[in-house]
Amino acid sequence: MKVKLSISMEEELDKRLEDKVKDSIFRNKSHLIEYAVKSFLKKEKMEARAK
């Protein structure tokens, strides 16, 4: 089940996300942000295991 979030970010970062969506496989900014968070959490988990 997906939950709806509201976030704030700098305008320039939002513009960069929009450009990424236009030039990539992401359906929209929500898809891109979800992918980025999952990637971050996976990397964090792998780093914790390496310690």
PDB file of N, CA and C in Angstrom:
ATOM      1  N   MET A   1       0.834  -1.167   0.000  1.00  0.00           N
ATOM      2  CA  MET A   1       0.000   0.000   0.000  1.00  0.00           C
ATOM      3  C   MET A   1       0.893   1.248   0.000  1.00  0.00           C
ATOM      4  N   LYS A   2       0.591   2.185  -0.819  1.00  0.00           N
ATOM      5  CA  LYS A   2       1.372   3.420  -0.898  1.00  0.00           C
ATOM      6  C   LYS A   2       0.748   4.467   0.015  1.00  0.00           C
ATOM      7  N   VAL A   3       1.591   5.310   0.574  1.00  0.00           N
ATOM      8  CA  VAL A   3       1.130   6.425   1.381  1.00  0.00           C
ATOM      9  C   VAL A   3       1.479   7.720   0.661  1.00  0.00           C
ATOM     10  N   LYS A   4       0.681   8.713   0.842  1.00  0.00           N
ATOM     11  CA  LYS A   4       0.908  10.000   0.213  1.00  0.00           C
ATOM     12  C   LYS A   4       1.743  10.853   1.157  1.00  0.00           C
ATOM     13  N   LEU A   5       2.816  11.446   0.636  1.00  0.00           N
ATOM     14  CA  LEU A   5       3.691  12.301   1.421  1.00  0.00           C
ATOM     15  C   LEU A   5       3.725  13.688   0.817  1.00  0.00           C
ATOM     16  N   SER A   6       4.065  14.627   1.639  1.00  0.00           N
ATOM     17  CA  SER A   6       4.295  15.981   1.172  1.00  0.00           C
ATOM     18  C   SER A   6       5.689  16.368   1.621  1.00  0.00           C
ATOM     19  N   ILE A   7       6.510  16.842   0.687  1.00  0.00           N
ATOM     20  CA  ILE A   7       7.876  17.222   1.048  1.00  0.00           C
ATOM     21  C   ILE A   7       8.157  18.629   0.525  1.00  0.00           C
ATOM     22  N   SER A   8       9.178  19.227   1.085  1.00  0.00           N
ATOM     23  CA  SER A   8       9.664  20.520   0.609  1.00  0.00           C
ATOM     24  C   SER A   8      11.101  20.335   0.173  1.00  0.00           C
ATOM     25  N   MET A   9      11.455  20.986  -0.927  1.00  0.00           N
ATOM     26  CA  MET A   9      12.841  20.941  -1.385  1.00  0.00           C
ATOM     27  C   MET A   9      13.142  22.210  -2.150  1.00  0.00           C
ATOM     28  N   GLU A  10      14.408  22.466  -2.340  1.00  0.00           N
ATOM     29  CA  GLU A  10      14.808  23.658  -3.073  1.00  0.00           C
ATOM     30  C   GLU A  10      14.339  23.561  -4.520  1.00  0.00           C
ATOM     31  N   GLU A  11      13.977  24.700  -5.061  1.00  0.00           N
ATOM     32  CA  GLU A  11      13.427  24.758  -6.411  1.00  0.00           C
ATOM     33  C   GLU A  11      14.389  24.171  -7.443  1.00  0.00           C
ATOM     34  N   GLU A  12      15.667  24.457  -7.304  1.00  0.00           N
ATOM     35  CA  GLU A  12      16.657  23.946  -8.260  1.00  0.00           C
ATOM     36  C   GLU A  12      16.698  22.418  -8.241  1.00  0.00           C
ATOM     37  N   LEU A  13      16.599  21.832  -7.073  1.00  0.00           N
ATOM     38  CA  LEU A  13      16.585  20.371  -6.967  1.00  0.00           C
ATOM     39  C   LEU A  13      15.337  19.806  -7.638  1.00  0.00           C
ATOM     40  N   ASP A  14      14.219  20.455  -7.442  1.00  0.00           N
ATOM     41  CA  ASP A  14      12.983  20.019  -8.096  1.00  0.00           C
ATOM     42  C   ASP A  14      13.128  20.076  -9.621  1.00  0.00           C
ATOM     43  N   LYS A  15      13.727  21.127 -10.129  1.00  0.00           N
ATOM     44  CA  LYS A  15      13.943  21.242 -11.577  1.00  0.00           C
ATOM     45  C   LYS A  15      14.836  20.119 -12.094  1.00  0.00           C
ATOM     46  N   ARG A  16      15.862  19.779 -11.325  1.00  0.00           N
ATOM     47  CA  ARG A  16      16.760  18.687 -11.729  1.00  0.00           C
ATOM     48  C   ARG A  16      16.027  17.351 -11.734  1.00  0.00           C
ATOM     49  N   LEU A  17      15.142  17.145 -10.765  1.00  0.00           N
ATOM     50  CA  LEU A  17      14.346  15.916 -10.747  1.00  0.00           C
ATOM     51  C   LEU A  17      13.433  15.849 -11.964  1.00  0.00           C
ATOM     52  N   GLU A  18      12.801  16.959 -12.285  1.00  0.00           N
ATOM     53  CA  GLU A  18      11.913  17.008 -13.445  1.00  0.00           C
ATOM     54  C   GLU A  18      12.680  16.677 -14.731  1.00  0.00           C
ATOM     55  N   ASP A  19      13.896  17.200 -14.850  1.00  0.00           N
ATOM     56  CA  ASP A  19      14.730  16.890 -16.012  1.00  0.00           C
ATOM     57  C   ASP A  19      15.068  15.405 -16.067  1.00  0.00           C
ATOM     58  N   LYS A  20      15.357  14.822 -14.918  1.00  0.00           N
ATOM     59  CA  LYS A  20      15.667  13.387 -14.861  1.00  0.00           C
ATOM     60  C   LYS A  20      14.474  12.552 -15.301  1.00  0.00           C
ATOM     61  N   VAL A  21      13.289  12.946 -14.878  1.00  0.00           N
ATOM     62  CA  VAL A  21      12.078  12.218 -15.257  1.00  0.00           C
ATOM     63  C   VAL A  21      11.907  12.268 -16.780  1.00  0.00           C
ATOM     64  N   LYS A  22      12.119  13.417 -17.366  1.00  0.00           N
ATOM     65  CA  LYS A  22      11.953  13.586 -18.814  1.00  0.00           C
ATOM     66  C   LYS A  22      12.948  12.736 -19.597  1.00  0.00           C
ATOM     67  N   ASP A  23      14.146  12.539 -19.038  1.00  0.00           N
ATOM     68  CA  ASP A  23      15.232  11.872 -19.753  1.00  0.00           C
ATOM     69  C   ASP A  23      15.493  10.437 -19.316  1.00  0.00           C
ATOM     70  N   SER A  24      14.574   9.818 -18.570  1.00  0.00           N
ATOM     71  CA  SER A  24      14.902   8.506 -18.021  1.00  0.00           C
ATOM     72  C   SER A  24      13.700   7.576 -17.985  1.00  0.00           C
ATOM     73  N   ILE A  25      13.869   6.491 -17.246  1.00  0.00           N
ATOM     74  CA  ILE A  25      12.848   5.449 -17.164  1.00  0.00           C
ATOM     75  C   ILE A  25      11.786   5.739 -16.109  1.00  0.00           C
ATOM     76  N   PHE A  26      11.964   6.808 -15.339  1.00  0.00           N
ATOM     77  CA  PHE A  26      11.041   7.097 -14.251  1.00  0.00           C
ATOM     78  C   PHE A  26       9.737   7.669 -14.790  1.00  0.00           C
ATOM     79  N   ARG A  27       8.629   7.186 -14.257  1.00  0.00           N
ATOM     80  CA  ARG A  27       7.304   7.635 -14.701  1.00  0.00           C
ATOM     81  C   ARG A  27       7.004   9.057 -14.251  1.00  0.00           C
ATOM     82  N   ASN A  28       7.492   9.399 -13.056  1.00  0.00           N
ATOM     83  CA  ASN A  28       7.229  10.712 -12.473  1.00  0.00           C
ATOM     84  C   ASN A  28       8.204  10.936 -11.315  1.00  0.00           C
ATOM     85  N   LYS A  29       8.107  12.088 -10.681  1.00  0.00           N
ATOM     86  CA  LYS A  29       9.029  12.394  -9.581  1.00  0.00           C
ATOM     87  C   LYS A  29       8.820  11.459  -8.401  1.00  0.00           C
ATOM     88  N   SER A  30       7.591  11.054  -8.145  1.00  0.00           N
ATOM     89  CA  SER A  30       7.343  10.121  -7.039  1.00  0.00           C
ATOM     90  C   SER A  30       8.079   8.808  -7.264  1.00  0.00           C
ATOM     91  N   HIS A  31       8.036   8.317  -8.491  1.00  0.00           N
ATOM     92  CA  HIS A  31       8.735   7.077  -8.837  1.00  0.00           C
ATOM     93  C   HIS A  31      10.243   7.240  -8.638  1.00  0.00           C
ATOM     94  N   LEU A  32      10.786   8.364  -9.090  1.00  0.00           N
ATOM     95  CA  LEU A  32      12.214   8.622  -8.943  1.00  0.00           C
ATOM     96  C   LEU A  32      12.608   8.709  -7.471  1.00  0.00           C
ATOM     97  N   ILE A  33      11.820   9.435  -6.681  1.00  0.00           N
ATOM     98  CA  ILE A  33      12.143   9.596  -5.254  1.00  0.00           C
ATOM     99  C   ILE A  33      12.026   8.269  -4.522  1.00  0.00           C
ATOM    100  N   GLU A  34      11.020   7.467  -4.837  1.00  0.00           N
ATOM    101  CA  GLU A  34      10.879   6.156  -4.201  1.00  0.00           C
ATOM    102  C   GLU A  34      12.094   5.283  -4.523  1.00  0.00           C
ATOM    103  N   TYR A  35      12.525   5.295  -5.771  1.00  0.00           N
ATOM    104  CA  TYR A  35      13.713   4.536  -6.180  1.00  0.00           C
ATOM    105  C   TYR A  35      14.943   5.022  -5.412  1.00  0.00           C
ATOM    106  N   ALA A  36      15.100   6.345  -5.308  1.00  0.00           N
ATOM    107  CA  ALA A  36      16.264   6.906  -4.621  1.00  0.00           C
ATOM    108  C   ALA A  36      16.289   6.523  -3.143  1.00  0.00           C
ATOM    109  N   VAL A  37      15.145   6.560  -2.491  1.00  0.00           N
ATOM    110  CA  VAL A  37      15.074   6.198  -1.064  1.00  0.00           C
ATOM    111  C   VAL A  37      15.391   4.716  -0.879  1.00  0.00           C
ATOM    112  N   LYS A  38      14.833   3.868  -1.740  1.00  0.00           N
ATOM    113  CA  LYS A  38      15.127   2.429  -1.653  1.00  0.00           C
ATOM    114  C   LYS A  38      16.615   2.174  -1.853  1.00  0.00           C
ATOM    115  N   SER A  39      17.214   2.861  -2.834  1.00  0.00           N
ATOM    116  CA  SER A  39      18.647   2.704  -3.086  1.00  0.00           C
ATOM    117  C   SER A  39      19.471   3.153  -1.890  1.00  0.00           C
ATOM    118  N   PHE A  40      19.101   4.275  -1.292  1.00  0.00           N
ATOM    119  CA  PHE A  40      19.785   4.786  -0.120  1.00  0.00           C
ATOM    120  C   PHE A  40      19.715   3.787   1.035  1.00  0.00           C
ATOM    121  N   LEU A  41      18.523   3.261   1.296  1.00  0.00           N
ATOM    122  CA  LEU A  41      18.350   2.320   2.406  1.00  0.00           C
ATOM    123  C   LEU A  41      19.109   1.022   2.161  1.00  0.00           C
ATOM    124  N   LYS A  42      19.125   0.556   0.924  1.00  0.00           N
ATOM    125  CA  LYS A  42      19.871  -0.657   0.590  1.00  0.00           C
ATOM    126  C   LYS A  42      21.368  -0.440   0.799  1.00  0.00           C
ATOM    127  N   LYS A  43      21.877   0.702   0.349  1.00  0.00           N
ATOM    128  CA  LYS A  43      23.299   1.025   0.526  1.00  0.00           C
ATOM    129  C   LYS A  43      23.643   1.139   2.008  1.00  0.00           C
ATOM    130  N   GLU A  44      22.782   1.798   2.763  1.00  0.00           N
ATOM    131  CA  GLU A  44      22.999   1.949   4.197  1.00  0.00           C
ATOM    132  C   GLU A  44      23.046   0.588   4.893  1.00  0.00           C
ATOM    133  N   LYS A  45      22.159  -0.309   4.504  1.00  0.00           N
ATOM    134  CA  LYS A  45      22.118  -1.648   5.086  1.00  0.00           C
ATOM    135  C   LYS A  45      23.397  -2.414   4.758  1.00  0.00           C
ATOM    136  N   MET A  46      23.852  -2.314   3.519  1.00  0.00           N
ATOM    137  CA  MET A  46      25.076  -3.008   3.112  1.00  0.00           C
ATOM    138  C   MET A  46      26.296  -2.460   3.860  1.00  0.00           C
ATOM    139  N   GLU A  47      26.335  -1.154   4.066  1.00  0.00           N
ATOM    140  CA  GLU A  47      27.448  -0.546   4.805  1.00  0.00           C
ATOM    141  C   GLU A  47      27.434  -0.979   6.256  1.00  0.00           C
ATOM    142  N   ALA A  48      26.256  -1.116   6.840  1.00  0.00           N
ATOM    143  CA  ALA A  48      26.151  -1.545   8.233  1.00  0.00           C
ATOM    144  C   ALA A  48      26.629  -2.986   8.389  1.00  0.00           C
ATOM    145  N   ARG A  49      26.344  -3.811   7.401  1.00  0.00           N
ATOM    146  CA  ARG A  49      26.797  -5.209   7.447  1.00  0.00           C
ATOM    147  C   ARG A  49      28.306  -5.314   7.296  1.00  0.00           C
ATOM    148  N   ALA A  50      28.916  -4.379   6.592  1.00  0.00           N
ATOM    149  CA  ALA A  50      30.353  -4.412   6.343  1.00  0.00           C
ATOM    150  C   ALA A  50      31.155  -4.024   7.578  1.00  0.00           C
ATOM    151  N   LYS A  51      30.507  -3.426   8.548  1.00  0.00           N
ATOM    152  CA  LYS A  51      31.214  -2.980   9.755  1.00  0.00           C
ATOM    153  C   LYS A  51      31.480  -4.103  10.706  1.00  0.00           C
TER     154      LYS A  51
END
